[in-house]
Amino acid sequence: MPTWSKILNEANAVAAGNPQAAASYLDNLKKDYLRKLSEKTGRNVILYFSSFLGRQPSNETLINDLDINAFMENIHGLDKTKGLDLILHTPGGDISATEQIIKYLKSSFDGNIRAIIPQMAMSAGSMIAVSCKSVIMGRQSSLGPFDPQLNGVPCQSALREFNRAVDDVSKNPASLGLWQSILTKLNPTFLTLCEQADELSEELTEKILSDKEIDKVVKAKIKKVFAKNEDSKTHSRHIDRDKCREAGLDVIDMDQDDDLQDIVLTIHHCCMILAENTTACKIVENNIGGCYIVHSRAQMPVPMPVALPVKR
């Protein structure tokens, strides 16, 4: 299995200490392996990579409305009858943008989409993965819950706490003072916004599951694991492939095919190293040369010149 350090050492050896040459080597290696993956599977490949693990959270690294342009750029020229393998590494992001991306991808490939998770697809990224026909995961791969959040607060937890307060006060009026001190800290309309966010999340979850050929029991399991935070407890919970399979997702083990795993992880490691050493914070790329790269506007501690195409 190609490791992060092995690929980095190869890049440094080829570049002989030239950072720009090292970036070019990694970029070309990534492109070569995207082509290899398509040749192996006979399917289209689109990589959606965010550098969220190495940077402060920002809209640039999250799923947002600009991403539809990235997918338009990368779907152009593909033979859509071959289906799509979507490599996902993302912390998630805007639910409305996610809804648009899911609709666009499904309509473009007639729903014939597999998600490939080299490491993590969390929150709204997990929602995209769950919407796919199947998910390819390794031992190290994980999805995450997609219960709605509002300013970092889990909406379902906020609503449960309010209902608990109402119930507690009705049974024990003496507790009113305690609950008042807690609830008066909430901004006006906060609970209403939480209700609306939860309803929107439920609506979208129901829509993506209605497109899958699964029965009501499996649908309920998927909702429980991914859409309801009573099970996950925290939005950052990592849901591994065994739990995903238990929930009812069609999970394919990445490591059942060593060649497939080597190709996918080589692509992922190239992206990780590029993100750590350049200003690239989001890479969306296909197997025929389509490429859309977003560069961070924030100053990096050690800027590194990059020989990469830039498209906005």
Protein backbone atom coordinates (compact mmCIF):
# COMPACT_ATOMS: atom_id res chain seq x y z
CA MET A 1 0.00 0.00 0.00
CA PRO A 2 1.49 3.42 -0.93
CA THR A 3 2.02 5.50 2.20
CA TRP A 4 2.00 9.27 2.60
CA SER A 5 5.73 9.34 3.39
CA LYS A 6 6.66 7.11 0.44
CA ILE A 7 4.89 9.36 -2.05
CA LEU A 8 6.38 12.49 -0.44
CA ASN A 9 9.90 11.03 -0.55
CA GLU A 10 9.44 10.10 -4.21
CA ALA A 11 8.32 13.64 -5.01
CA ASN A 12 11.29 15.15 -3.18
CA ALA A 13 13.72 12.77 -4.86
CA VAL A 14 12.40 13.52 -8.34
CA ALA A 15 12.28 17.26 -7.69
CA ALA A 16 15.74 17.40 -6.08
CA GLY A 17 14.61 19.97 -3.54
CA ASN A 18 12.64 22.16 -5.97
CA PRO A 19 9.21 22.79 -4.35
CA GLN A 20 7.59 23.76 -7.65
CA ALA A 21 8.84 20.60 -9.34
CA ALA A 22 7.62 18.51 -6.38
CA ALA A 23 4.13 20.01 -6.69
CA SER A 24 4.11 19.33 -10.42
CA TYR A 25 5.20 15.72 -9.84
CA LEU A 26 2.40 15.14 -7.32
CA ASP A 27 -0.17 16.79 -9.57
CA ASN A 28 0.85 14.62 -12.53
CA LEU A 29 0.90 11.48 -10.38
CA LYS A 30 -2.64 12.27 -9.18
CA LYS A 31 -3.85 12.77 -12.75
CA ASP A 32 -2.21 9.52 -13.85
CA TYR A 33 -3.90 7.54 -11.07
CA LEU A 34 -7.30 9.10 -11.78
CA ARG A 35 -6.93 7.73 -15.31
CA LYS A 36 -5.81 4.34 -13.93
CA LEU A 37 -8.86 4.16 -11.70
CA SER A 38 -11.18 4.84 -14.62
CA GLU A 39 -9.41 2.25 -16.77
CA LYS A 40 -9.69 -0.33 -14.00
CA THR A 41 -13.40 0.17 -13.30
CA GLY A 42 -14.58 1.21 -16.76
CA ARG A 43 -16.37 4.12 -15.11
CA ASN A 44 -16.01 7.89 -14.96
CA VAL A 45 -14.14 9.26 -11.96
CA ILE A 46 -14.56 12.62 -10.24
CA LEU A 47 -12.41 13.54 -7.25
CA TYR A 48 -13.87 15.96 -4.68
CA PHE A 49 -11.17 16.73 -2.12
CA SER A 50 -11.20 19.34 0.64
CA SER A 51 -8.13 20.26 2.69
CA PHE A 52 -10.24 20.76 5.84
CA LEU A 53 -7.97 18.62 8.04
CA GLY A 54 -4.99 20.93 7.60
CA ARG A 55 -6.70 24.32 7.71
CA GLN A 56 -8.98 26.40 9.87
CA PRO A 57 -12.64 25.84 8.93
CA SER A 58 -13.76 28.22 6.19
CA ASN A 59 -16.34 28.42 3.46
CA GLU A 60 -13.59 27.60 0.95
CA THR A 61 -13.16 24.09 2.35
CA LEU A 62 -16.89 23.43 2.93
CA ILE A 63 -19.49 22.28 0.43
CA ASN A 64 -20.99 25.49 -0.94
CA ASP A 65 -22.91 26.87 -3.92
CA LEU A 66 -19.72 27.45 -5.92
CA ASP A 67 -19.17 23.69 -6.05
CA ILE A 68 -21.87 23.24 -8.67
CA ASN A 69 -19.56 25.08 -11.08
CA ALA A 70 -16.79 22.64 -10.21
CA PHE A 71 -19.03 19.68 -11.00
CA MET A 72 -20.26 21.30 -14.23
CA GLU A 73 -16.64 21.70 -15.30
CA ASN A 74 -15.82 18.08 -14.50
CA ILE A 75 -18.94 16.42 -15.91
CA HIS A 76 -18.43 18.14 -19.27
CA GLY A 77 -17.02 15.69 -21.80
CA LEU A 78 -17.66 12.51 -19.78
CA ASP A 79 -19.50 9.53 -21.25
CA LYS A 80 -22.41 9.57 -18.83
CA THR A 81 -23.55 6.05 -19.77
CA LYS A 82 -20.52 4.68 -17.89
CA GLY A 83 -21.74 5.85 -14.50
CA LEU A 84 -19.65 7.72 -11.95
CA ASP A 85 -17.23 6.87 -9.16
CA LEU A 86 -17.13 9.91 -6.85
CA ILE A 87 -14.09 10.12 -4.55
CA LEU A 88 -15.18 12.13 -1.50
CA HIS A 89 -13.09 13.74 1.22
CA THR A 90 -15.01 16.59 2.85
CA PRO A 91 -16.22 17.90 6.22
CA GLY A 92 -19.64 18.70 4.73
CA GLY A 93 -21.18 22.13 4.42
CA ASP A 94 -24.34 23.85 3.24
CA ILE A 95 -27.37 21.56 3.04
CA SER A 96 -29.04 23.51 0.21
CA ALA A 97 -25.88 23.32 -1.91
CA THR A 98 -25.68 19.61 -1.09
CA GLU A 99 -29.25 19.08 -2.27
CA GLN A 100 -28.45 20.76 -5.58
CA ILE A 101 -25.27 18.70 -6.06
CA ILE A 102 -27.10 15.42 -5.36
CA LYS A 103 -29.84 16.29 -7.85
CA TYR A 104 -27.36 17.37 -10.50
CA LEU A 105 -25.15 14.29 -10.20
CA LYS A 106 -28.07 11.84 -10.13
CA SER A 107 -29.72 13.40 -13.16
CA SER A 108 -26.42 13.47 -15.06
CA PHE A 109 -25.60 9.79 -14.46
CA ASP A 110 -29.13 8.40 -14.11
CA GLY A 111 -28.38 7.55 -10.47
CA ASN A 112 -25.50 5.22 -11.37
CA ILE A 113 -23.07 6.63 -8.81
CA ARG A 114 -20.70 4.97 -6.34
CA ALA A 115 -19.04 6.95 -3.55
CA ILE A 116 -15.41 6.15 -2.74
CA ILE A 117 -14.26 7.23 0.74
CA PRO A 118 -10.46 7.18 1.12
CA GLN A 119 -10.68 8.69 4.60
CA MET A 120 -13.67 10.84 5.63
CA ALA A 121 -16.91 12.23 4.25
CA MET A 122 -18.72 13.93 7.11
CA SER A 123 -22.04 15.70 7.61
CA ALA A 124 -23.38 16.88 4.23
CA GLY A 125 -20.60 14.89 2.54
CA SER A 126 -21.97 11.79 4.23
CA MET A 127 -25.41 12.70 2.88
CA ILE A 128 -23.97 12.68 -0.65
CA ALA A 129 -22.39 9.26 0.01
CA VAL A 130 -25.62 7.81 1.40
CA SER A 131 -27.49 9.03 -1.70
CA CYS A 132 -25.22 6.90 -3.93
CA LYS A 133 -26.06 3.34 -5.00
CA SER A 134 -23.07 1.97 -3.08
CA VAL A 135 -20.12 3.14 -1.00
CA ILE A 136 -16.55 1.85 -1.29
CA MET A 137 -14.76 2.06 2.07
CA GLY A 138 -11.54 0.84 3.64
CA ARG A 139 -10.81 -0.03 7.25
CA GLN A 140 -9.74 3.60 7.74
CA SER A 141 -12.78 5.13 6.05
CA SER A 142 -15.67 6.78 7.84
CA LEU A 143 -18.88 8.66 7.23
CA GLY A 144 -20.60 10.88 9.77
CA PRO A 145 -24.05 11.91 11.00
CA PHE A 146 -25.92 14.55 9.01
CA ASP A 147 -28.32 15.79 11.66
CA PRO A 148 -28.73 19.58 11.15
CA GLN A 149 -26.60 22.10 13.00
CA LEU A 150 -27.31 25.80 13.58
CA ASN A 151 -24.33 27.95 14.51
CA GLY A 152 -22.62 24.84 15.80
CA VAL A 153 -25.61 23.77 17.91
CA PRO A 154 -27.30 20.45 17.08
CA CYS A 155 -30.90 21.37 16.26
CA GLN A 156 -32.39 18.10 17.46
CA SER A 157 -30.67 18.41 20.83
CA ALA A 158 -31.88 21.99 21.24
CA LEU A 159 -35.47 20.97 20.50
CA ARG A 160 -35.27 18.00 22.87
CA GLU A 161 -33.96 20.24 25.64
CA PHE A 162 -36.82 22.70 25.12
CA ASN A 163 -39.39 19.89 25.22
CA ARG A 164 -37.71 18.57 28.34
CA ALA A 165 -38.06 22.02 29.93
CA VAL A 166 -41.76 22.20 29.09
CA ASP A 167 -42.33 18.73 30.51
CA ASP A 168 -40.26 19.40 33.62
CA VAL A 169 -42.03 22.70 34.42
CA SER A 170 -45.47 21.13 33.91
CA LYS A 171 -44.58 18.42 36.45
CA ASN A 172 -42.53 20.58 38.78
CA PRO A 173 -43.39 24.32 38.61
CA ALA A 174 -40.54 25.09 41.02
CA SER A 175 -38.09 24.32 38.19
CA LEU A 176 -39.35 27.30 36.15
CA GLY A 177 -36.65 29.63 37.44
CA LEU A 178 -33.86 27.25 36.48
CA TRP A 179 -35.20 26.74 32.96
CA GLN A 180 -35.83 30.48 32.51
CA SER A 181 -32.16 31.20 33.21
CA ILE A 182 -31.23 28.71 30.48
CA LEU A 183 -33.84 29.50 27.82
CA THR A 184 -33.57 33.28 28.04
CA LYS A 185 -30.03 32.97 26.65
CA LEU A 186 -31.43 31.74 23.33
CA ASN A 187 -31.76 34.24 20.51
CA PRO A 188 -35.27 35.06 19.25
CA THR A 189 -36.56 32.56 16.63
CA PHE A 190 -33.68 30.16 17.41
CA LEU A 191 -35.98 27.26 18.21
CA THR A 192 -38.13 27.97 15.15
CA LEU A 193 -35.02 27.97 12.97
CA CYS A 194 -33.98 24.66 14.56
CA GLU A 195 -37.40 23.18 13.72
CA GLN A 196 -37.15 24.39 10.13
CA ALA A 197 -33.60 23.06 9.72
CA ASP A 198 -34.66 19.69 11.11
CA GLU A 199 -37.67 19.58 8.78
CA LEU A 200 -35.47 20.41 5.77
CA SER A 201 -32.96 17.74 6.75
CA GLU A 202 -35.77 15.20 7.19
CA GLU A 203 -37.24 16.13 3.82
CA LEU A 204 -33.92 15.74 2.01
CA THR A 205 -33.11 12.49 3.84
CA GLU A 206 -36.49 11.09 2.87
CA LYS A 207 -35.91 12.14 -0.75
CA ILE A 208 -32.49 10.52 -1.12
CA LEU A 209 -33.71 7.32 0.54
CA SER A 210 -36.84 7.15 -1.61
CA ASP A 211 -34.57 6.90 -4.65
CA LYS A 212 -32.85 3.81 -3.23
CA GLU A 213 -34.28 0.32 -3.64
CA ILE A 214 -34.61 -0.44 0.07
CA ASP A 215 -37.50 -1.44 2.31
CA LYS A 216 -38.96 0.55 5.20
CA VAL A 217 -36.96 -1.31 7.84
CA VAL A 218 -33.62 -0.49 6.18
CA LYS A 219 -34.71 3.08 5.58
CA ALA A 220 -35.50 3.47 9.28
CA LYS A 221 -32.07 2.06 10.24
CA ILE A 222 -30.26 4.51 7.96
CA LYS A 223 -32.25 7.41 9.38
CA LYS A 224 -31.51 6.31 12.93
CA VAL A 225 -27.75 6.06 12.37
CA PHE A 226 -27.20 9.11 10.15
CA ALA A 227 -30.10 11.53 10.58
CA LYS A 228 -30.97 11.22 14.28
CA ASN A 229 -28.39 12.24 16.84
CA GLU A 230 -29.78 10.09 19.67
CA ASP A 231 -27.66 7.29 18.17
CA SER A 232 -24.53 9.22 17.18
CA LYS A 233 -24.54 11.55 20.23
CA THR A 234 -22.13 13.99 18.54
CA HIS A 235 -21.96 15.45 15.03
CA SER A 236 -18.29 14.53 14.72
CA ARG A 237 -18.95 10.82 15.33
CA HIS A 238 -17.01 8.59 12.90
CA ILE A 239 -19.20 5.85 11.44
CA ASP A 240 -16.98 3.08 10.09
CA ARG A 241 -17.82 0.70 7.27
CA ASP A 242 -19.10 -2.05 9.57
CA LYS A 243 -21.61 0.33 11.16
CA CYS A 244 -22.53 1.66 7.70
CA ARG A 245 -23.19 -1.88 6.51
CA GLU A 246 -25.20 -2.68 9.64
CA ALA A 247 -27.29 0.44 9.00
CA GLY A 248 -28.23 -0.89 5.56
CA LEU A 249 -25.86 0.82 3.16
CA ASP A 250 -24.45 -1.20 0.27
CA VAL A 251 -20.79 -1.13 1.33
CA ILE A 252 -17.98 -2.52 -0.82
CA ASP A 253 -14.70 -3.28 0.98
CA MET A 254 -11.92 -1.30 -0.67
CA ASP A 255 -9.27 -3.72 0.56
CA GLN A 256 -10.84 -6.71 -1.16
CA ASP A 257 -9.01 -5.43 -4.26
CA ASP A 258 -5.43 -4.41 -3.46
CA ASP A 259 -4.97 -2.69 -6.81
CA LEU A 260 -8.10 -0.59 -6.33
CA GLN A 261 -7.02 0.38 -2.81
CA ASP A 262 -3.51 1.35 -3.94
CA ILE A 263 -4.90 3.58 -6.71
CA VAL A 264 -7.43 5.32 -4.47
CA LEU A 265 -4.98 5.92 -1.61
CA THR A 266 -2.29 7.19 -3.98
CA ILE A 267 -4.75 9.81 -5.25
CA HIS A 268 -5.69 10.71 -1.69
CA HIS A 269 -2.10 11.00 -0.43
CA CYS A 270 -1.15 13.18 -3.41
CA CYS A 271 -4.01 15.53 -2.54
CA MET A 272 -3.11 15.59 1.15
CA ILE A 273 0.52 16.49 0.44
CA LEU A 274 -0.43 19.14 -2.11
CA ALA A 275 -2.88 20.69 0.33
CA GLU A 276 -0.31 20.74 3.12
CA ASN A 277 2.35 22.40 0.98
CA THR A 278 0.40 24.67 -1.38
CA THR A 279 -2.52 27.07 -1.25
CA ALA A 280 -4.90 24.52 -2.84
CA CYS A 281 -7.80 24.03 -0.42
CA LYS A 282 -10.26 22.24 -2.70
CA ILE A 283 -9.56 20.01 -5.70
CA VAL A 284 -12.32 18.79 -8.00
CA GLU A 285 -10.93 16.78 -10.91
CA ASN A 286 -11.92 14.04 -13.35
CA ASN A 287 -10.12 11.28 -15.25
CA ILE A 288 -10.04 13.09 -18.62
CA GLY A 289 -8.27 16.27 -17.54
CA GLY A 290 -11.13 18.38 -16.23
CA CYS A 291 -9.98 20.31 -13.18
CA TYR A 292 -11.31 22.98 -10.84
CA ILE A 293 -9.05 24.11 -8.00
CA VAL A 294 -9.87 26.60 -5.26
CA HIS A 295 -6.92 28.30 -3.58
CA SER A 296 -7.06 29.62 -0.05
CA ARG A 297 -7.09 33.39 0.34
CA ALA A 298 -5.46 33.05 3.74
CA GLN A 299 -1.70 33.45 3.91
CA MET A 300 0.09 30.14 4.45
CA PRO A 301 2.89 29.91 7.03
CA VAL A 302 5.35 28.68 4.38
CA PRO A 303 4.08 29.59 0.88
CA MET A 304 5.10 27.13 -1.78
CA PRO A 305 5.00 27.98 -5.52
CA VAL A 306 2.53 25.78 -7.42
CA ALA A 307 2.42 24.75 -11.05
CA LEU A 308 -1.28 23.93 -11.02
CA PRO A 309 -4.16 25.18 -13.20
CA VAL A 310 -6.47 27.57 -11.43
CA LYS A 311 -10.15 27.83 -12.30
CA ARG A 312 -12.75 29.85 -10.46
